[in-house]
Amino acid sequence: MTIVIILAFVIGYIFITLEHRYHLHKAITAAALGAFLWIVIALGGGEVEHATEIIGAEIFGLIIFLLAAMTLVEILIHYRFFDFIRSKILKLGLNDYRQLWVIGIISFFLSAVIDNLTATLVMLAVATRFFKGQNLLIAAAGIVIAANAGGAWSPIGDVTTIMLWIAEKFTAGEIIAWGFFPSAAIFAVSMFFLGRGIKRDTRDAIEEKITLSRSEWIIISLALLSFPLPVMVHSIGLQPYFGLVFGLGIVGIAIAITRGLLQKKMQSLHHDEAATLVASASPETHLTADIEKNLARTDIAALLFFAGILLAVGALGHIGVLDSISHALLGADPGLSRLFVGNAVLGIFSAIVDNIPLTAAAMEIIKVTDPAIWVLLALAVGTGGSLLVIGSAAGVVAMGKVKDLTFFKYVSIATLPALFGYAAGLGVWLVQYIIFR
């Protein structure tokens, strides 16, 4: 049974990477693959009810979190928040190369606050208004790398760091102290090599000035304040998605109230006065805001792909494949060199397999109490996924948002820069460890 599952996973993975050649959407392939592997396990007599309940709860939480985040981003797009940011950056008069660095830096720090997945969603919305063609593909890849690197030094920046933080493998201060400079090195080195592919003579067109009204800022502020809520609700024992769903509900209520008040005001005005009012930016954004339309614009195919991949990886974890890999890499009582090399290889492997089950397996195998070693694990599996576009949730979302960012396009553009950055970051961690330990 194990051989059949591994073989099916490899074949399914190949079809995912070749989706454009065979015109078979990766979401369909991933969904079929994930379900098929669990069917094989069940037919083989394996106990699947409890295992599928656990993985189903994990997938539900992540999908609902992602759906709420995508909807909030669509609301911010509708209310021209990203147009406002772009107008501010345009005033700096930067070319695409410098704009890449600005967006990358914002992604790096933003992901540490609102998590790498949400930061990728937000910054892709900005990038699609800055870049076109090949430059857009480079910018999207840069955002993925920057967001993953930024999320690796924060306790709330990535699902992996949240798992380790909750398990008390390190404190918030320890992951920042041991993780910030390696993460910054990963970002800086990767962005340096990635930026060499940018056409530096590309300039943005001059755009009209974007001015937001007070009522528009209220909606925007409520949407932005929704992103820290997952951390707050998690502190009282709830899953993070409760916070984001609550925030989305509050934003939706605020939009409905604002639209209702404006409609009443328009009914009391003369036809010409009402037309003049609608022509202004604020009433137009409020009156045309629609949560159903925002939900419809979310990338459901990306969500299906994400769910399918998690199901498939969960099946590999269930039959012990991931445990075997972790044991082979790390052993039972490893020294520093074995831990360093093992975590580095585990991080590279996370470019193929999701970092969540890899981290879960490693947490059961590694028997050290040194928080710096656990930060190394978070760095490795959190940023190693940047080597391939399907190696992280941020990369999966980028594929969904930027349709031309295929598996092989990402490999040709970003894999080598990401590998250089990955090596530099782990090197910085090792130097820190030698000096301070």
Protein backbone atom coordinates (compact mmCIF):
# COMPACT_ATOMS: atom_id res chain seq x y z
CA MET A 1 0.00 0.00 0.00
CA THR A 2 2.79 2.41 0.86
CA ILE A 3 4.43 1.94 -2.54
CA VAL A 4 1.11 2.58 -4.31
CA ILE A 5 0.52 5.79 -2.36
CA ILE A 6 4.03 7.13 -2.95
CA LEU A 7 3.84 6.28 -6.66
CA ALA A 8 0.41 7.92 -6.99
CA PHE A 9 1.69 11.03 -5.21
CA VAL A 10 4.67 11.31 -7.56
CA ILE A 11 2.50 10.84 -10.66
CA GLY A 12 -0.05 13.36 -9.40
CA TYR A 13 2.72 15.81 -8.62
CA ILE A 14 4.07 15.46 -12.16
CA PHE A 15 0.62 16.18 -13.63
CA ILE A 16 0.33 19.28 -11.41
CA THR A 17 3.62 20.63 -12.73
CA LEU A 18 2.57 19.91 -16.33
CA GLU A 19 -0.93 21.39 -16.08
CA HIS A 20 -0.50 23.76 -19.03
CA ARG A 21 0.84 21.08 -21.33
CA TYR A 22 -2.15 18.79 -20.73
CA HIS A 23 -4.72 21.55 -20.07
CA LEU A 24 -5.63 19.92 -16.77
CA HIS A 25 -6.15 22.43 -13.97
CA LYS A 26 -3.88 21.80 -11.00
CA ALA A 27 -6.80 22.21 -8.58
CA ILE A 28 -8.64 19.27 -10.14
CA THR A 29 -5.52 17.11 -10.13
CA ALA A 30 -4.70 17.95 -6.51
CA ALA A 31 -8.28 17.33 -5.34
CA ALA A 32 -8.44 13.96 -7.09
CA LEU A 33 -5.00 13.00 -5.80
CA GLY A 34 -5.76 13.90 -2.19
CA ALA A 35 -9.04 11.97 -2.14
CA PHE A 36 -7.55 8.98 -4.00
CA LEU A 37 -4.71 8.51 -1.51
CA TRP A 38 -7.13 8.35 1.42
CA ILE A 39 -9.38 5.93 -0.49
CA VAL A 40 -6.38 3.64 -1.00
CA ILE A 41 -5.57 3.82 2.73
CA ALA A 42 -9.19 3.00 3.64
CA LEU A 43 -9.36 0.09 1.19
CA GLY A 44 -6.11 -1.20 2.62
CA GLY A 45 -7.75 -1.58 6.01
CA GLY A 46 -6.23 1.49 7.62
CA GLU A 47 -8.00 3.39 10.41
CA VAL A 48 -8.97 6.62 8.69
CA GLU A 49 -11.92 8.10 10.59
CA HIS A 50 -9.97 9.81 13.36
CA ALA A 51 -7.12 10.83 11.05
CA THR A 52 -9.42 12.40 8.47
CA GLU A 53 -11.31 14.25 11.18
CA ILE A 54 -8.07 15.85 12.31
CA ILE A 55 -6.84 16.77 8.85
CA GLY A 56 -10.35 17.89 7.87
CA ALA A 57 -10.44 20.31 10.80
CA GLU A 58 -7.01 21.64 9.82
CA ILE A 59 -8.05 22.13 6.20
CA PHE A 60 -11.34 23.74 7.20
CA GLY A 61 -9.56 26.24 9.42
CA LEU A 62 -7.01 27.18 6.77
CA ILE A 63 -9.56 27.40 3.94
CA ILE A 64 -11.97 29.56 5.96
CA PHE A 65 -9.07 31.74 7.07
CA LEU A 66 -7.94 32.11 3.46
CA LEU A 67 -11.45 32.76 2.17
CA ALA A 68 -12.01 35.51 4.76
CA ALA A 69 -8.60 37.02 4.02
CA MET A 70 -9.25 37.00 0.27
CA THR A 71 -12.63 38.68 0.76
CA LEU A 72 -11.13 41.38 2.97
CA VAL A 73 -8.47 42.01 0.33
CA GLU A 74 -11.19 42.32 -2.34
CA ILE A 75 -12.93 44.90 -0.13
CA LEU A 76 -9.68 46.85 0.21
CA ILE A 77 -9.30 46.72 -3.56
CA HIS A 78 -12.84 48.00 -4.06
CA TYR A 79 -12.23 50.89 -1.69
CA ARG A 80 -9.06 51.79 -3.63
CA PHE A 81 -6.70 51.28 -0.71
CA PHE A 82 -4.03 49.69 -2.90
CA ASP A 83 -4.52 52.39 -5.53
CA PHE A 84 -3.84 54.88 -2.75
CA ILE A 85 -0.64 53.05 -1.78
CA ARG A 86 0.44 52.91 -5.38
CA SER A 87 -0.16 56.62 -5.85
CA LYS A 88 2.07 57.31 -2.86
CA ILE A 89 4.86 55.10 -4.19
CA LEU A 90 4.50 56.59 -7.68
CA LYS A 91 5.30 60.01 -6.22
CA LEU A 92 8.77 58.68 -5.46
CA GLY A 93 9.43 58.37 -9.19
CA LEU A 94 11.03 54.91 -8.94
CA ASN A 95 11.67 52.50 -11.79
CA ASP A 96 10.54 48.87 -11.61
CA TYR A 97 13.80 47.70 -10.04
CA ARG A 98 13.49 50.06 -7.08
CA GLN A 99 9.75 49.44 -6.87
CA LEU A 100 10.54 45.73 -6.53
CA TRP A 101 12.66 46.47 -3.48
CA VAL A 102 10.02 48.76 -1.95
CA ILE A 103 7.28 46.16 -2.37
CA GLY A 104 9.61 43.42 -1.14
CA ILE A 105 10.50 45.32 2.03
CA ILE A 106 6.85 46.05 2.74
CA SER A 107 6.01 42.36 2.20
CA PHE A 108 8.84 41.27 4.51
CA PHE A 109 7.67 43.33 7.47
CA LEU A 110 3.94 43.09 6.77
CA SER A 111 4.03 39.29 6.79
CA ALA A 112 5.46 39.32 10.31
CA VAL A 113 2.31 41.09 11.48
CA ILE A 114 -0.55 39.70 9.40
CA ASP A 115 1.10 36.36 8.41
CA ASN A 116 2.84 35.51 5.15
CA LEU A 117 -0.26 34.24 3.38
CA THR A 118 -2.31 37.39 3.94
CA ALA A 119 0.68 39.62 3.19
CA THR A 120 1.09 37.85 -0.14
CA LEU A 121 -2.56 38.46 -0.99
CA VAL A 122 -2.26 42.14 -0.09
CA MET A 123 0.99 42.83 -1.90
CA LEU A 124 0.01 40.91 -5.03
CA ALA A 125 -2.95 43.27 -5.28
CA VAL A 126 -0.45 46.15 -5.26
CA ALA A 127 2.03 44.48 -7.62
CA THR A 128 -0.55 43.82 -10.32
CA ARG A 129 -0.98 47.60 -10.54
CA PHE A 130 2.76 48.25 -10.73
CA PHE A 131 4.18 45.63 -13.06
CA LYS A 132 3.32 43.98 -16.35
CA GLY A 133 4.62 40.97 -18.26
CA GLN A 134 7.92 39.47 -17.13
CA ASN A 135 8.37 42.15 -14.48
CA LEU A 136 5.07 41.12 -12.88
CA LEU A 137 6.23 37.50 -12.68
CA ILE A 138 9.47 38.59 -11.02
CA ALA A 139 7.59 40.85 -8.60
CA ALA A 140 5.15 38.05 -7.70
CA ALA A 141 8.03 35.66 -7.05
CA GLY A 142 9.76 38.34 -4.98
CA ILE A 143 6.65 38.82 -2.87
CA VAL A 144 6.44 35.07 -2.19
CA ILE A 145 10.08 34.93 -1.09
CA ALA A 146 9.82 38.14 0.97
CA ALA A 147 6.58 37.10 2.67
CA ASN A 148 7.90 33.64 3.55
CA ALA A 149 11.13 35.13 4.91
CA GLY A 150 9.24 37.77 6.88
CA GLY A 151 6.87 35.23 8.36
CA ALA A 152 9.73 33.02 9.56
CA TRP A 153 10.99 35.44 12.24
CA SER A 154 7.62 36.19 13.83
CA PRO A 155 5.61 33.92 16.15
CA ILE A 156 2.46 34.78 14.18
CA GLY A 157 4.02 35.12 10.74
CA ASP A 158 3.50 31.57 9.53
CA VAL A 159 1.51 28.47 10.47
CA THR A 160 4.80 26.73 11.25
CA THR A 161 5.95 29.41 13.70
CA ILE A 162 2.51 29.44 15.31
CA MET A 163 2.70 25.66 15.82
CA LEU A 164 6.14 25.86 17.44
CA TRP A 165 5.25 28.92 19.50
CA ILE A 166 2.09 27.31 20.88
CA ALA A 167 4.10 24.18 21.70
CA GLU A 168 6.45 26.44 23.73
CA LYS A 169 9.52 25.52 21.68
CA PHE A 170 10.52 29.18 21.83
CA THR A 171 9.17 32.49 23.10
CA ALA A 172 8.21 35.43 20.91
CA GLY A 173 11.42 37.20 21.88
CA GLU A 174 13.57 34.17 21.09
CA ILE A 175 12.27 33.66 17.58
CA ILE A 176 12.74 37.35 16.82
CA ALA A 177 16.26 37.37 18.30
CA TRP A 178 17.41 34.19 16.51
CA GLY A 179 15.33 34.53 13.37
CA PHE A 180 15.34 38.16 12.25
CA PHE A 181 18.85 38.47 10.80
CA PRO A 182 18.81 35.08 9.02
CA SER A 183 15.39 35.95 7.57
CA ALA A 184 16.64 39.36 6.49
CA ALA A 185 19.62 37.70 4.78
CA ILE A 186 17.30 35.29 2.94
CA PHE A 187 15.20 38.20 1.75
CA ALA A 188 18.07 40.51 0.77
CA VAL A 189 20.18 37.95 -1.09
CA SER A 190 17.20 36.47 -2.93
CA MET A 191 15.91 39.89 -3.93
CA PHE A 192 19.34 40.97 -5.15
CA PHE A 193 19.57 38.09 -7.62
CA LEU A 194 15.88 38.21 -8.49
CA GLY A 195 16.05 41.92 -9.29
CA ARG A 196 18.68 41.34 -11.96
CA GLY A 197 15.93 40.11 -14.27
CA ILE A 198 13.94 43.34 -14.02
CA LYS A 199 13.86 45.68 -17.02
CA ARG A 200 15.13 48.77 -15.30
CA ASP A 201 14.01 51.23 -17.97
CA THR A 202 10.30 50.44 -17.46
CA ARG A 203 8.34 53.40 -16.11
CA ASP A 204 4.83 53.65 -14.74
CA ALA A 205 2.27 55.89 -16.39
CA ILE A 206 1.22 59.02 -14.58
CA GLU A 207 -2.03 58.43 -12.72
CA GLU A 208 -4.62 60.64 -11.18
CA LYS A 209 -4.34 61.55 -7.54
CA ILE A 210 -6.23 59.19 -5.22
CA THR A 211 -8.06 60.87 -2.35
CA LEU A 212 -10.03 58.82 0.14
CA SER A 213 -12.90 60.23 2.17
CA ARG A 214 -13.34 59.81 5.92
CA SER A 215 -16.09 57.22 5.46
CA GLU A 216 -13.90 55.22 3.05
CA TRP A 217 -11.08 55.28 5.59
CA ILE A 218 -13.46 53.91 8.22
CA ILE A 219 -14.19 50.84 6.09
CA ILE A 220 -10.51 50.44 5.18
CA SER A 221 -9.47 50.74 8.83
CA LEU A 222 -11.99 48.13 9.93
CA ALA A 223 -10.69 45.76 7.24
CA LEU A 224 -7.06 46.29 8.24
CA LEU A 225 -7.87 45.90 11.95
CA SER A 226 -9.38 42.50 11.17
CA PHE A 227 -5.99 40.96 10.41
CA PRO A 228 -4.58 41.09 13.99
CA LEU A 229 -7.78 39.53 15.36
CA PRO A 230 -6.64 35.91 14.76
CA VAL A 231 -3.82 36.43 17.27
CA MET A 232 -6.21 37.95 19.80
CA VAL A 233 -8.81 35.18 19.62
CA HIS A 234 -6.10 32.52 19.71
CA SER A 235 -4.98 33.89 23.07
CA ILE A 236 -8.39 32.92 24.49
CA GLY A 237 -8.28 29.39 23.07
CA LEU A 238 -10.04 29.80 19.71
CA GLN A 239 -8.69 28.88 16.30
CA PRO A 240 -7.28 31.90 14.39
CA TYR A 241 -9.95 31.84 11.68
CA PHE A 242 -12.60 32.89 14.24
CA GLY A 243 -10.95 36.30 14.46
CA LEU A 244 -10.78 36.88 10.72
CA VAL A 245 -14.35 35.70 10.13
CA PHE A 246 -15.54 38.02 12.92
CA GLY A 247 -13.63 40.91 11.37
CA LEU A 248 -15.14 40.21 7.96
CA GLY A 249 -18.60 40.19 9.50
CA ILE A 250 -18.03 43.58 11.16
CA VAL A 251 -16.74 45.06 7.91
CA GLY A 252 -19.76 43.69 6.04
CA ILE A 253 -22.15 45.21 8.58
CA ALA A 254 -20.37 48.58 8.35
CA ILE A 255 -20.62 48.51 4.55
CA ALA A 256 -24.34 47.66 4.69
CA ILE A 257 -25.04 50.47 7.18
CA THR A 258 -23.10 53.02 5.13
CA ARG A 259 -24.85 52.01 1.92
CA GLY A 260 -28.25 52.17 3.60
CA LEU A 261 -27.63 55.66 4.98
CA LEU A 262 -26.47 56.91 1.59
CA GLN A 263 -29.48 55.43 -0.19
CA LYS A 264 -31.81 57.20 2.25
CA LYS A 265 -29.95 60.45 1.72
CA MET A 266 -30.22 60.10 -2.06
CA GLN A 267 -33.98 59.52 -1.84
CA SER A 268 -34.38 62.87 -0.13
CA LEU A 269 -32.39 64.73 -2.82
CA HIS A 270 -33.41 66.04 -6.20
CA HIS A 271 -32.47 63.84 -9.16
CA ASP A 272 -29.65 66.16 -10.29
CA GLU A 273 -28.32 66.50 -6.76
CA ALA A 274 -28.37 62.71 -6.33
CA ALA A 275 -26.50 62.25 -9.62
CA THR A 276 -23.87 64.75 -8.50
CA LEU A 277 -23.49 62.93 -5.18
CA VAL A 278 -23.04 59.53 -6.83
CA ALA A 279 -20.41 60.99 -9.15
CA SER A 280 -18.13 61.66 -6.18
CA ALA A 281 -15.74 58.88 -5.17
CA SER A 282 -17.00 58.09 -1.68
CA PRO A 283 -20.71 57.43 -2.47
CA GLU A 284 -19.71 55.45 -5.55
CA THR A 285 -17.52 53.03 -3.59
CA HIS A 286 -20.11 52.67 -0.81
CA LEU A 287 -23.11 52.18 -3.10
CA THR A 288 -21.38 49.64 -5.34
CA ALA A 289 -19.84 47.62 -2.49
CA ASP A 290 -21.25 44.09 -2.40
CA ILE A 291 -19.97 41.29 -0.17
CA GLU A 292 -21.44 38.63 -2.47
CA LYS A 293 -19.47 40.04 -5.40
CA ASN A 294 -16.34 40.19 -3.25
CA LEU A 295 -16.78 36.51 -2.36
CA ALA A 296 -17.39 35.63 -6.01
CA ARG A 297 -14.07 37.25 -6.97
CA THR A 298 -12.06 35.07 -4.58
CA ASP A 299 -9.98 32.34 -6.18
CA ILE A 300 -11.99 29.21 -5.35
CA ALA A 301 -9.73 27.11 -7.59
CA ALA A 302 -6.72 28.05 -5.46
CA LEU A 303 -8.63 27.01 -2.34
CA LEU A 304 -9.49 23.64 -3.90
CA PHE A 305 -5.87 23.13 -4.88
CA PHE A 306 -4.73 24.00 -1.36
CA ALA A 307 -7.20 21.51 0.15
CA GLY A 308 -6.16 18.75 -2.25
CA ILE A 309 -2.46 19.21 -1.52
CA LEU A 310 -3.07 19.13 2.24
CA LEU A 311 -5.11 15.93 1.88
CA ALA A 312 -2.36 14.31 -0.16
CA VAL A 313 0.39 15.34 2.22
CA GLY A 314 -1.73 14.26 5.18
CA ALA A 315 -1.98 10.82 3.63
CA LEU A 316 1.81 10.59 3.37
CA GLY A 317 2.06 11.59 7.01
CA HIS A 318 -0.57 9.05 8.05
CA ILE A 319 1.31 6.09 6.57
CA GLY A 320 4.58 7.20 8.19
CA VAL A 321 6.51 8.44 5.15
CA LEU A 322 7.20 11.84 6.70
CA ASP A 323 8.29 10.28 10.00
CA SER A 324 10.76 8.08 8.12
CA ILE A 325 12.19 11.08 6.30
CA SER A 326 12.60 13.06 9.51
CA HIS A 327 14.23 10.12 11.30
CA ALA A 328 16.65 9.62 8.42
CA LEU A 329 17.60 13.29 8.41
CA LEU A 330 17.78 14.04 12.13
CA GLY A 331 18.21 10.76 13.96
CA ALA A 332 17.37 10.14 17.60
CA ASP A 333 20.16 12.06 19.40
CA PRO A 334 21.83 14.37 16.87
CA GLY A 335 24.67 16.82 17.43
CA LEU A 336 24.84 20.36 16.05
CA SER A 337 26.16 19.35 12.63
CA ARG A 338 23.47 16.67 12.20
CA LEU A 339 20.76 19.08 13.35
CA PHE A 340 21.98 21.82 11.04
CA VAL A 341 22.30 19.62 7.96
CA GLY A 342 19.09 17.72 8.76
CA ASN A 343 17.05 20.89 9.16
CA ALA A 344 18.57 22.36 6.00
CA VAL A 345 17.62 19.30 3.96
CA LEU A 346 14.19 19.22 5.61
CA GLY A 347 13.72 22.82 4.50
CA ILE A 348 14.58 21.95 0.92
CA PHE A 349 12.17 19.05 1.09
CA SER A 350 9.45 21.49 2.19
CA ALA A 351 9.59 22.89 -1.34
CA ILE A 352 7.86 19.68 -2.39
CA VAL A 353 5.87 18.71 0.68
CA ASP A 354 3.86 21.08 2.85
CA ASN A 355 5.78 22.44 5.85
CA ILE A 356 2.94 21.83 8.33
CA PRO A 357 3.12 18.01 8.48
CA LEU A 358 6.91 18.17 8.22
CA THR A 359 7.02 20.43 11.27
CA ALA A 360 4.55 18.25 13.13
CA ALA A 361 6.68 15.17 12.47
CA ALA A 362 9.90 16.96 13.46
CA MET A 363 8.32 18.13 16.73
CA GLU A 364 7.84 14.48 17.71
CA ILE A 365 11.35 13.42 16.71
CA ILE A 366 13.75 16.21 17.73
CA LYS A 367 14.53 15.84 21.44
CA VAL A 368 16.31 19.15 22.07
CA THR A 369 15.20 22.01 24.29
CA ASP A 370 17.41 24.71 22.77
CA PRO A 371 15.05 27.36 21.31
CA ALA A 372 17.64 28.39 18.72
CA ILE A 373 17.43 24.91 17.14
CA TRP A 374 13.66 25.20 16.91
CA VAL A 375 14.03 28.63 15.30
CA LEU A 376 16.34 26.95 12.76
CA LEU A 377 13.55 24.47 11.99
CA ALA A 378 11.06 27.31 11.55
CA LEU A 379 13.49 29.15 9.24
CA ALA A 380 14.26 26.07 7.18
CA VAL A 381 10.75 24.76 6.56
CA GLY A 382 9.25 28.26 6.39
CA THR A 383 11.60 29.62 3.74
CA GLY A 384 12.62 26.40 1.99
CA GLY A 385 9.16 26.34 0.44
CA SER A 386 10.14 29.40 -1.60
CA LEU A 387 12.36 27.21 -3.78
CA LEU A 388 9.29 26.03 -5.71
CA VAL A 389 6.05 27.88 -6.28
CA ILE A 390 3.95 25.03 -4.88
CA GLY A 391 6.18 24.74 -1.82
CA SER A 392 4.25 27.25 0.26
CA ALA A 393 0.73 28.59 0.64
CA ALA A 394 2.05 31.99 -0.47
CA GLY A 395 3.31 30.45 -3.70
CA VAL A 396 0.02 28.65 -4.32
CA VAL A 397 -1.89 31.91 -3.87
CA ALA A 398 0.53 33.70 -6.21
CA MET A 399 -0.11 31.07 -8.89
CA GLY A 400 -3.83 31.69 -8.53
CA LYS A 401 -3.58 35.48 -8.66
CA VAL A 402 -0.95 35.74 -11.43
CA LYS A 403 -2.10 33.26 -14.05
CA ASP A 404 1.14 33.35 -16.07
CA LEU A 405 3.19 32.33 -13.01
CA THR A 406 3.41 28.64 -13.84
CA PHE A 407 5.56 26.05 -12.10
CA PHE A 408 8.32 26.20 -14.70
CA LYS A 409 8.19 30.00 -14.98
CA TYR A 410 8.81 30.24 -11.26
CA VAL A 411 11.67 27.74 -11.49
CA SER A 412 13.36 29.75 -14.23
CA ILE A 413 12.86 33.06 -12.44
CA ALA A 414 13.10 32.44 -8.72
CA THR A 415 14.41 29.01 -7.71
CA LEU A 416 18.11 29.88 -8.00
CA PRO A 417 17.79 33.29 -6.23
CA ALA A 418 15.71 31.64 -3.50
CA LEU A 419 18.37 28.92 -3.09
CA PHE A 420 21.13 31.52 -2.74
CA GLY A 421 19.06 33.37 -0.16
CA TYR A 422 18.24 30.16 1.69
CA ALA A 423 21.93 29.24 1.96
CA ALA A 424 22.83 32.76 3.12
CA GLY A 425 20.12 32.77 5.78
CA LEU A 426 21.11 29.43 7.26
CA GLY A 427 24.73 30.57 7.17
CA VAL A 428 23.83 33.66 9.20
CA TRP A 429 21.98 31.47 11.72
CA LEU A 430 25.04 29.21 12.07
CA VAL A 431 27.37 32.18 12.64
CA GLN A 432 24.98 33.55 15.27
CA TYR A 433 24.85 30.17 16.99
CA ILE A 434 28.63 29.74 17.05
CA ILE A 435 29.14 33.24 18.46
CA PHE A 436 26.37 33.35 21.05
CA ARG A 437 26.19 29.69 22.09
